Amino acid sequence: MVKRVITGAHYGLKDWLAQRVTALVMAVYVIVFVGILLICPPRQYEGWRALFSNQWMRIATMVFFLSLFWHAWIGMRNILMDYVKPTGVRLGLEVAVLLVLAGYAVWAVQILWSL
């Protein structure tokens, strides 16, 4: 009898699709943002403040950052599952990554909505 060894959590297609969708969201945001900067580049702080005072720009930027954090989480979780074999160490690193990404998300909200 052959004993099957199961590794990882078999996220598979869901993670693959999430990586592609988040990458697409980030790419579209970067293209639009660069287009805005080419058309009417803000020269001073007031220009940048005016750009990000628009609600649609804040929301688009927040969607970009949430996509970035989700993309990073999937990538880091897969790297940790592949290369960190001791379960306790891997769990500790995953919790650390989650806390850092959650902190960055809170920080992004604070920056975007404090303008």
C-alpha atoms as a PDB file:
ATOM      1  CA  MET A   1       0.000   0.000   0.000  1.00  0.00           C
ATOM      2  CA  VAL A   2       1.285   3.459  -0.906  1.00  0.00           C
ATOM      3  CA  LYS A   3       0.931   6.081   1.781  1.00  0.00           C
ATOM      4  CA  ARG A   4       0.004   9.473   0.389  1.00  0.00           C
ATOM      5  CA  VAL A   5       1.830  12.458   1.854  1.00  0.00           C
ATOM      6  CA  ILE A   6      -0.313  15.565   1.921  1.00  0.00           C
ATOM      7  CA  THR A   7       1.500  18.870   2.093  1.00  0.00           C
ATOM      8  CA  GLY A   8       0.015  22.322   2.326  1.00  0.00           C
ATOM      9  CA  ALA A   9      -3.651  23.123   2.377  1.00  0.00           C
ATOM     10  CA  HIS A  10      -4.405  22.616  -1.339  1.00  0.00           C
ATOM     11  CA  TYR A  11      -5.685  26.104  -2.034  1.00  0.00           C
ATOM     12  CA  GLY A  12      -4.834  25.610  -5.711  1.00  0.00           C
ATOM     13  CA  LEU A  13      -7.152  27.254  -8.189  1.00  0.00           C
ATOM     14  CA  LYS A  14      -8.579  29.759  -5.704  1.00  0.00           C
ATOM     15  CA  ASP A  15      -5.120  31.136  -4.890  1.00  0.00           C
ATOM     16  CA  TRP A  16      -4.008  31.082  -8.501  1.00  0.00           C
ATOM     17  CA  LEU A  17      -7.083  33.064  -9.520  1.00  0.00           C
ATOM     18  CA  ALA A  18      -6.752  35.481  -6.585  1.00  0.00           C
ATOM     19  CA  GLN A  19      -3.119  36.166  -7.524  1.00  0.00           C
ATOM     20  CA  ARG A  20      -4.134  36.953 -11.115  1.00  0.00           C
ATOM     21  CA  VAL A  21      -7.112  39.130 -10.166  1.00  0.00           C
ATOM     22  CA  THR A  22      -5.149  41.140  -7.590  1.00  0.00           C
ATOM     23  CA  ALA A  23      -2.288  41.570 -10.066  1.00  0.00           C
ATOM     24  CA  LEU A  24      -4.762  42.822 -12.680  1.00  0.00           C
ATOM     25  CA  VAL A  25      -6.318  45.290 -10.213  1.00  0.00           C
ATOM     26  CA  MET A  26      -2.874  46.609  -9.284  1.00  0.00           C
ATOM     27  CA  ALA A  27      -1.795  46.883 -12.932  1.00  0.00           C
ATOM     28  CA  VAL A  28      -4.939  48.822 -13.909  1.00  0.00           C
ATOM     29  CA  TYR A  29      -4.488  51.189 -10.951  1.00  0.00           C
ATOM     30  CA  VAL A  30      -0.835  51.837 -11.832  1.00  0.00           C
ATOM     31  CA  ILE A  31      -1.668  52.514 -15.481  1.00  0.00           C
ATOM     32  CA  VAL A  32      -4.475  54.931 -14.550  1.00  0.00           C
ATOM     33  CA  PHE A  33      -2.337  56.616 -11.877  1.00  0.00           C
ATOM     34  CA  VAL A  34       0.582  57.094 -14.255  1.00  0.00           C
ATOM     35  CA  GLY A  35      -1.860  58.470 -16.835  1.00  0.00           C
ATOM     36  CA  ILE A  36      -3.155  60.995 -14.305  1.00  0.00           C
ATOM     37  CA  LEU A  37       0.394  61.998 -13.415  1.00  0.00           C
ATOM     38  CA  LEU A  38       1.302  62.455 -17.086  1.00  0.00           C
ATOM     39  CA  ILE A  39      -1.778  64.553 -17.854  1.00  0.00           C
ATOM     40  CA  CYS A  40      -1.722  66.839 -14.818  1.00  0.00           C
ATOM     41  CA  PRO A  41       1.246  66.189 -12.543  1.00  0.00           C
ATOM     42  CA  PRO A  42       0.891  67.655  -9.045  1.00  0.00           C
ATOM     43  CA  ARG A  43       3.849  69.969  -8.463  1.00  0.00           C
ATOM     44  CA  GLN A  44       3.483  70.651  -4.755  1.00  0.00           C
ATOM     45  CA  TYR A  45       1.847  69.240  -1.653  1.00  0.00           C
ATOM     46  CA  GLU A  46      -1.426  71.041  -2.367  1.00  0.00           C
ATOM     47  CA  GLY A  47      -1.685  69.316  -5.748  1.00  0.00           C
ATOM     48  CA  TRP A  48      -1.156  65.888  -4.218  1.00  0.00           C
ATOM     49  CA  ARG A  49      -3.655  66.708  -1.476  1.00  0.00           C
ATOM     50  CA  ALA A  50      -6.225  67.799  -4.057  1.00  0.00           C
ATOM     51  CA  LEU A  51      -5.677  64.610  -6.071  1.00  0.00           C
ATOM     52  CA  PHE A  52      -6.285  62.368  -3.061  1.00  0.00           C
ATOM     53  CA  SER A  53      -9.134  64.466  -1.661  1.00  0.00           C
ATOM     54  CA  ASN A  54     -11.392  62.998  -4.352  1.00  0.00           C
ATOM     55  CA  GLN A  55     -13.417  60.133  -2.899  1.00  0.00           C
ATOM     56  CA  TRP A  56     -12.996  57.973  -6.033  1.00  0.00           C
ATOM     57  CA  MET A  57      -9.200  58.308  -5.823  1.00  0.00           C
ATOM     58  CA  ARG A  58      -9.191  57.320  -2.153  1.00  0.00           C
ATOM     59  CA  ILE A  59     -11.363  54.294  -2.859  1.00  0.00           C
ATOM     60  CA  ALA A  60      -9.272  53.261  -5.886  1.00  0.00           C
ATOM     61  CA  THR A  61      -6.084  53.618  -3.849  1.00  0.00           C
ATOM     62  CA  MET A  62      -7.565  51.608  -0.976  1.00  0.00           C
ATOM     63  CA  VAL A  63      -8.634  48.864  -3.403  1.00  0.00           C
ATOM     64  CA  PHE A  64      -5.071  48.900  -4.767  1.00  0.00           C
ATOM     65  CA  PHE A  65      -3.585  48.507  -1.287  1.00  0.00           C
ATOM     66  CA  LEU A  66      -6.045  45.776  -0.275  1.00  0.00           C
ATOM     67  CA  SER A  67      -5.193  43.920  -3.487  1.00  0.00           C
ATOM     68  CA  LEU A  68      -1.497  44.371  -2.732  1.00  0.00           C
ATOM     69  CA  PHE A  69      -1.869  43.029   0.810  1.00  0.00           C
ATOM     70  CA  TRP A  70      -3.968  40.043  -0.298  1.00  0.00           C
ATOM     71  CA  HIS A  71      -1.486  39.308  -3.091  1.00  0.00           C
ATOM     72  CA  ALA A  72       1.394  39.516  -0.624  1.00  0.00           C
ATOM     73  CA  TRP A  73      -0.393  37.291   1.909  1.00  0.00           C
ATOM     74  CA  ILE A  74      -1.025  34.530  -0.635  1.00  0.00           C
ATOM     75  CA  GLY A  75       2.560  34.672  -1.862  1.00  0.00           C
ATOM     76  CA  MET A  76       4.089  34.681   1.612  1.00  0.00           C
ATOM     77  CA  ARG A  77       1.796  31.911   2.859  1.00  0.00           C
ATOM     78  CA  ASN A  78       2.739  29.718  -0.105  1.00  0.00           C
ATOM     79  CA  ILE A  79       6.446  30.405   0.389  1.00  0.00           C
ATOM     80  CA  LEU A  80       6.181  29.587   4.099  1.00  0.00           C
ATOM     81  CA  MET A  81       4.193  26.392   3.408  1.00  0.00           C
ATOM     82  CA  ASP A  82       6.786  25.268   0.866  1.00  0.00           C
ATOM     83  CA  TYR A  83      10.003  26.093   2.701  1.00  0.00           C
ATOM     84  CA  VAL A  84       9.346  26.232   6.466  1.00  0.00           C
ATOM     85  CA  LYS A  85       8.737  22.677   7.617  1.00  0.00           C
ATOM     86  CA  PRO A  86       8.397  22.955  11.437  1.00  0.00           C
ATOM     87  CA  THR A  87       4.711  23.692  12.010  1.00  0.00           C
ATOM     88  CA  GLY A  88       5.207  25.965  15.015  1.00  0.00           C
ATOM     89  CA  VAL A  89       7.774  28.127  13.260  1.00  0.00           C
ATOM     90  CA  ARG A  90       5.630  28.340  10.139  1.00  0.00           C
ATOM     91  CA  LEU A  91       2.544  29.305  12.165  1.00  0.00           C
ATOM     92  CA  GLY A  92       4.524  31.965  14.021  1.00  0.00           C
ATOM     93  CA  LEU A  93       5.813  33.435  10.769  1.00  0.00           C
ATOM     94  CA  GLU A  94       2.345  33.376   9.215  1.00  0.00           C
ATOM     95  CA  VAL A  95       0.901  35.214  12.216  1.00  0.00           C
ATOM     96  CA  ALA A  96       3.733  37.768  12.003  1.00  0.00           C
ATOM     97  CA  VAL A  97       3.070  38.334   8.286  1.00  0.00           C
ATOM     98  CA  LEU A  98      -0.671  38.717   8.949  1.00  0.00           C
ATOM     99  CA  LEU A  99      -0.063  41.231  11.730  1.00  0.00           C
ATOM    100  CA  VAL A 100       2.320  43.281   9.596  1.00  0.00           C
ATOM    101  CA  LEU A 101      -0.085  43.308   6.628  1.00  0.00           C
ATOM    102  CA  ALA A 102      -3.034  44.213   8.894  1.00  0.00           C
ATOM    103  CA  GLY A 103      -0.958  47.029  10.396  1.00  0.00           C
ATOM    104  CA  TYR A 104      -0.120  48.308   6.923  1.00  0.00           C
ATOM    105  CA  ALA A 105      -3.820  48.202   5.975  1.00  0.00           C
ATOM    106  CA  VAL A 106      -4.784  50.244   9.047  1.00  0.00           C
ATOM    107  CA  TRP A 107      -1.966  52.671   8.284  1.00  0.00           C
ATOM    108  CA  ALA A 108      -3.152  53.047   4.662  1.00  0.00           C
ATOM    109  CA  VAL A 109      -6.708  53.806   5.834  1.00  0.00           C
ATOM    110  CA  GLN A 110      -5.373  56.328   8.330  1.00  0.00           C
ATOM    111  CA  ILE A 111      -3.284  58.084   5.668  1.00  0.00           C
ATOM    112  CA  LEU A 112      -5.970  58.091   2.974  1.00  0.00           C
ATOM    113  CA  TRP A 113      -8.807  59.334   5.160  1.00  0.00           C
ATOM    114  CA  SER A 114      -6.819  61.873   7.200  1.00  0.00           C
ATOM    115  CA  LEU A 115      -6.276  64.184   4.236  1.00  0.00           C
END
